[in-house]
Amino acid sequence: MSSLALVTGAGSGIGRASARALARAGFHVVLTGRTQASLEQTRDGVDDASLSARLQPMVADVSDPDSVDALYERLRGEHGRLDLLFNNAGTNVAPAPIDEISVDDWRRVIDVNLHGAFLAARGAFALMRGQQPQGGRIINNGSISAYLPRPGSVPYTVSKHAISGLTRTLSLDGRPFDIACGQLDIGNAASDMTEKMGSGVPQADGSIRPEPVMDVAHVADAVVNMASLPLSANVQFMTIMATAMPFVGRG
């Protein structure tokens, strides 16, 4: 029987590439996101029928507790267990100093990036703790911004610093139940969120400069690497980034 993976934010970018890579690695992958059409594009955009059959869309909004509860009830009913959560869903807003960031924008980023990650991890932990055999793995999508901020990035940076705390706490709390938790900190993977980098983004010195990006496939490969370990081994934190991006020395 194939191991079961759940990927949040699976309708585009890192989530889409990672879900397909996990399916190629032999996982049955439940794709979740807010729109059925984008999840179907993730499933149908592969040219291998056996691979497509391992990609199963299930619509849910990770920021909505009732929607997440319904997702996990469906998972439990249809599959009976969960072996892997890639806690990936995220969003951002345009850069601005804190006094120009609306409360609505703050809440939108925190609701998806932090509250949504908490809800998804909470549901996965409960299912993994209660299943037989017990255990599983949670991989949180962190960011370079979990360590160092970009200019004008209060909501996103705060959310990603908090993800590091979530990862460490889940790693500790999961030990008695054979639940491993690690974090993938990603820098400049080519996606909708990074498409502006080629034309220039704000730097710490006040300048606007283009930044290099890397193929999202490399992120997907890293997810598969972390996911394929036995539960007796764990990648606690992994940083994968475009080699020449401003991270080491940022600021």
Protein backbone atom coordinates (compact mmCIF):
# COMPACT_ATOMS: atom_id res chain seq x y z
CA MET A 1 0.00 0.00 0.00
CA SER A 2 1.35 3.44 -0.92
CA SER A 3 2.21 5.90 1.82
CA LEU A 4 -0.28 8.77 1.99
CA ALA A 5 0.87 12.38 1.74
CA LEU A 6 -1.12 15.60 2.11
CA VAL A 7 0.19 18.75 0.41
CA THR A 8 -1.39 22.09 1.24
CA GLY A 9 -1.22 24.89 -1.31
CA ALA A 10 -0.97 22.19 -3.97
CA GLY A 11 -2.60 24.22 -6.74
CA SER A 12 0.52 26.09 -7.84
CA GLY A 13 4.23 26.69 -7.41
CA ILE A 14 6.14 24.77 -4.77
CA GLY A 15 3.08 22.79 -3.70
CA ARG A 16 2.30 21.65 -7.24
CA ALA A 17 5.90 20.64 -8.02
CA SER A 18 6.31 18.87 -4.67
CA ALA A 19 3.03 16.97 -4.97
CA ARG A 20 3.99 15.66 -8.39
CA ALA A 21 7.47 14.72 -7.17
CA LEU A 22 6.02 12.84 -4.19
CA ALA A 23 3.68 10.96 -6.53
CA ARG A 24 6.65 10.03 -8.74
CA ALA A 25 8.37 8.75 -5.59
CA GLY A 26 5.44 6.40 -4.96
CA PHE A 27 3.25 8.35 -2.54
CA HIS A 28 -0.49 8.67 -2.98
CA VAL A 29 -0.85 12.43 -2.67
CA VAL A 30 -3.91 14.34 -1.52
CA LEU A 31 -3.84 17.81 -3.04
CA THR A 32 -5.53 20.55 -1.08
CA GLY A 33 -6.14 24.21 -1.79
CA ARG A 34 -9.04 26.62 -2.11
CA THR A 35 -9.97 26.03 -5.77
CA GLN A 36 -10.89 22.75 -7.42
CA ALA A 37 -9.71 23.94 -10.84
CA SER A 38 -6.12 24.61 -9.75
CA LEU A 39 -5.90 21.25 -7.97
CA GLU A 40 -7.19 19.51 -11.09
CA GLN A 41 -4.52 21.31 -13.12
CA THR A 42 -1.89 19.88 -10.76
CA ARG A 43 -3.32 16.41 -11.30
CA ASP A 44 -4.03 16.66 -15.02
CA GLY A 45 -0.83 18.44 -16.01
CA VAL A 46 1.17 15.21 -15.97
CA ASP A 47 1.43 12.94 -18.99
CA ASP A 48 1.53 9.65 -17.07
CA ALA A 49 -1.88 8.15 -16.25
CA SER A 50 -0.51 6.10 -13.34
CA LEU A 51 1.05 9.24 -11.87
CA SER A 52 -2.16 11.22 -12.30
CA ALA A 53 -4.04 8.46 -10.47
CA ARG A 54 -1.85 9.05 -7.41
CA LEU A 55 -2.88 12.72 -7.22
CA GLN A 56 -6.24 13.27 -5.50
CA PRO A 57 -7.76 16.75 -5.19
CA MET A 58 -9.62 17.69 -1.99
CA VAL A 59 -10.67 21.33 -1.68
CA ALA A 60 -10.10 23.02 1.69
CA ASP A 61 -9.20 26.43 3.06
CA VAL A 62 -6.40 26.00 5.61
CA SER A 63 -7.33 29.24 7.38
CA ASP A 64 -10.84 27.93 8.16
CA PRO A 65 -11.01 25.50 11.13
CA ASP A 66 -14.25 23.89 9.93
CA SER A 67 -12.84 23.37 6.44
CA VAL A 68 -9.67 21.78 7.84
CA ASP A 69 -11.66 19.54 10.19
CA ALA A 70 -13.78 18.38 7.24
CA LEU A 71 -10.64 17.67 5.21
CA TYR A 72 -9.20 15.43 7.91
CA GLU A 73 -12.50 13.66 8.45
CA ARG A 74 -12.54 12.86 4.74
CA LEU A 75 -8.91 11.70 4.86
CA ARG A 76 -9.68 9.47 7.83
CA GLY A 77 -12.77 8.05 6.16
CA GLU A 78 -11.23 7.40 2.74
CA HIS A 79 -7.69 6.43 3.69
CA GLY A 80 -7.61 5.68 7.41
CA ARG A 81 -4.18 7.18 7.97
CA LEU A 82 -1.68 9.89 6.99
CA ASP A 83 2.06 9.38 6.63
CA LEU A 84 3.22 12.82 5.52
CA LEU A 85 2.03 16.43 5.67
CA PHE A 86 3.85 19.01 3.58
CA ASN A 87 2.57 22.13 5.34
CA ASN A 88 3.15 24.45 2.41
CA ALA A 89 0.25 26.89 1.88
CA GLY A 90 1.32 30.51 2.06
CA THR A 91 0.65 34.04 0.88
CA ASN A 92 2.19 37.51 1.03
CA VAL A 93 1.37 41.18 0.49
CA ALA A 94 3.25 44.02 -1.17
CA PRO A 95 6.26 45.32 0.80
CA ALA A 96 5.63 48.33 3.03
CA PRO A 97 6.74 49.76 6.38
CA ILE A 98 4.59 48.61 9.29
CA ASP A 99 2.54 51.83 9.53
CA GLU A 100 1.42 51.38 5.90
CA ILE A 101 0.32 47.76 6.36
CA SER A 102 -3.41 47.43 6.90
CA VAL A 103 -4.76 45.24 9.65
CA ASP A 104 -6.64 43.26 6.99
CA ASP A 105 -3.39 42.52 5.12
CA TRP A 106 -1.68 41.53 8.37
CA ARG A 107 -4.49 39.15 9.25
CA ARG A 108 -4.63 37.68 5.75
CA VAL A 109 -0.95 36.68 5.84
CA ILE A 110 -1.08 35.42 9.43
CA ASP A 111 -4.34 33.53 8.83
CA VAL A 112 -2.81 31.51 5.98
CA ASN A 113 0.90 31.30 6.85
CA LEU A 114 0.61 30.73 10.60
CA HIS A 115 -2.96 29.98 11.64
CA GLY A 116 -3.38 27.75 8.57
CA ALA A 117 -0.11 25.93 9.28
CA PHE A 118 -1.22 25.38 12.87
CA LEU A 119 -4.60 23.98 11.80
CA ALA A 120 -3.07 21.67 9.20
CA ALA A 121 -0.40 20.43 11.63
CA ARG A 122 -2.99 19.99 14.39
CA GLY A 123 -5.14 17.77 12.18
CA ALA A 124 -2.16 15.77 10.93
CA PHE A 125 -0.77 15.27 14.44
CA ALA A 126 -4.11 13.96 15.71
CA LEU A 127 -4.44 11.51 12.84
CA MET A 128 -0.83 10.32 13.09
CA ARG A 129 -1.05 9.94 16.86
CA GLY A 130 -4.23 7.89 16.71
CA GLN A 131 -3.46 5.59 13.78
CA GLN A 132 -1.89 2.15 13.84
CA PRO A 133 0.98 1.89 13.29
CA GLN A 134 1.39 5.21 15.04
CA GLY A 135 3.48 8.05 13.63
CA GLY A 136 4.24 10.08 10.56
CA ARG A 137 6.15 13.12 9.34
CA ILE A 138 5.33 16.82 9.08
CA ILE A 139 7.44 19.07 6.85
CA ASN A 140 6.80 22.78 7.37
CA ASN A 141 7.56 25.26 4.60
CA GLY A 142 9.65 27.89 6.32
CA SER A 143 11.65 30.47 4.42
CA ILE A 144 14.90 32.38 4.36
CA SER A 145 12.65 34.94 6.09
CA ALA A 146 12.45 32.59 9.08
CA TYR A 147 15.98 33.85 9.81
CA LEU A 148 16.39 37.29 8.24
CA PRO A 149 13.79 39.78 6.98
CA ARG A 150 13.43 41.55 3.70
CA PRO A 151 12.62 45.28 3.82
CA GLY A 152 8.96 46.01 4.53
CA SER A 153 8.00 42.42 5.27
CA VAL A 154 6.52 42.46 8.77
CA PRO A 155 3.55 40.07 8.22
CA TYR A 156 5.49 37.50 6.18
CA THR A 157 8.64 37.58 8.34
CA VAL A 158 6.69 37.31 11.60
CA SER A 159 4.71 34.36 10.21
CA LYS A 160 7.86 32.52 9.12
CA HIS A 161 9.74 33.13 12.37
CA ALA A 162 6.72 31.61 14.10
CA ILE A 163 6.84 28.55 11.83
CA SER A 164 10.30 27.79 13.23
CA GLY A 165 8.79 27.72 16.71
CA LEU A 166 6.02 25.45 15.47
CA THR A 167 8.58 23.09 13.93
CA ARG A 168 10.67 22.86 17.08
CA THR A 169 7.66 22.32 19.32
CA LEU A 170 6.13 19.65 17.08
CA SER A 171 9.49 17.89 16.95
CA LEU A 172 9.53 17.74 20.74
CA ASP A 173 5.86 16.93 21.28
CA GLY A 174 5.90 14.31 18.51
CA ARG A 175 8.64 12.14 20.01
CA PRO A 176 6.37 9.94 22.17
CA PHE A 177 4.16 9.22 19.14
CA ASP A 178 6.85 8.63 16.48
CA ILE A 179 5.93 11.88 14.72
CA ALA A 180 8.91 13.62 13.12
CA CYS A 181 8.83 17.28 12.12
CA GLY A 182 11.29 19.18 9.98
CA GLN A 183 11.42 22.50 8.17
CA LEU A 184 12.43 23.41 4.62
CA ASP A 185 13.64 27.00 4.37
CA ILE A 186 13.39 28.11 0.75
CA GLY A 187 15.00 31.06 -0.95
CA ASN A 188 14.00 32.37 -4.39
CA ALA A 189 12.34 29.34 -5.94
CA ALA A 190 10.81 30.39 -9.25
CA SER A 191 7.05 30.75 -8.68
CA ASP A 192 4.27 33.34 -8.85
CA MET A 193 5.55 34.81 -5.57
CA THR A 194 9.05 35.41 -6.99
CA GLU A 195 8.29 36.48 -10.57
CA LYS A 196 9.11 40.14 -9.76
CA MET A 197 12.66 39.29 -8.71
CA GLY A 198 13.96 39.36 -12.27
CA SER A 199 13.02 43.03 -12.65
CA GLY A 200 14.23 44.07 -9.22
CA VAL A 201 13.13 43.94 -5.58
CA PRO A 202 13.99 46.13 -2.57
CA GLN A 203 17.32 45.45 -0.86
CA ALA A 204 18.47 46.21 2.67
CA ASP A 205 20.60 49.14 1.46
CA GLY A 206 17.55 50.81 -0.09
CA SER A 207 18.39 49.89 -3.68
CA ILE A 208 16.22 47.94 -6.11
CA ARG A 209 18.05 45.04 -7.72
CA PRO A 210 17.19 41.83 -9.56
CA GLU A 211 17.85 38.55 -7.78
CA PRO A 212 18.58 35.08 -9.14
CA VAL A 213 15.99 32.34 -8.77
CA MET A 214 16.22 28.55 -8.93
CA ASP A 215 14.00 25.94 -10.53
CA VAL A 216 11.18 24.88 -8.22
CA ALA A 217 12.03 21.26 -9.11
CA HIS A 218 15.02 21.47 -6.76
CA VAL A 219 12.69 22.31 -3.88
CA ALA A 220 10.47 19.37 -4.81
CA ASP A 221 13.51 17.07 -4.78
CA ALA A 222 14.40 18.31 -1.28
CA VAL A 223 10.86 17.59 -0.06
CA VAL A 224 11.08 14.04 -1.42
CA ASN A 225 14.47 13.57 0.24
CA MET A 226 13.11 14.63 3.63
CA ALA A 227 9.92 12.61 3.16
CA SER A 228 11.75 9.42 2.20
CA LEU A 229 13.72 9.08 5.43
CA PRO A 230 12.70 6.47 7.99
CA LEU A 231 11.00 7.97 11.05
CA SER A 232 14.13 7.15 13.05
CA ALA A 233 15.93 9.93 11.10
CA ASN A 234 14.95 13.53 10.54
CA VAL A 235 16.14 16.62 8.70
CA GLN A 236 15.36 19.21 11.35
CA PHE A 237 16.09 22.26 9.18
CA MET A 238 17.22 22.40 5.55
CA THR A 239 17.96 25.58 3.62
CA ILE A 240 17.68 25.41 -0.16
CA MET A 241 18.21 28.59 -2.13
CA ALA A 242 19.39 30.16 -5.34
CA THR A 243 23.14 30.11 -4.82
CA ALA A 244 23.85 33.77 -5.47
CA MET A 245 20.79 35.30 -3.80
CA PRO A 246 21.35 37.77 -0.96
CA PHE A 247 21.03 35.66 2.18
CA VAL A 248 24.49 35.11 3.58
CA GLY A 249 25.46 38.73 4.20
CA ARG A 250 21.90 40.06 3.88
CA GLY A 251 21.55 43.30 5.80
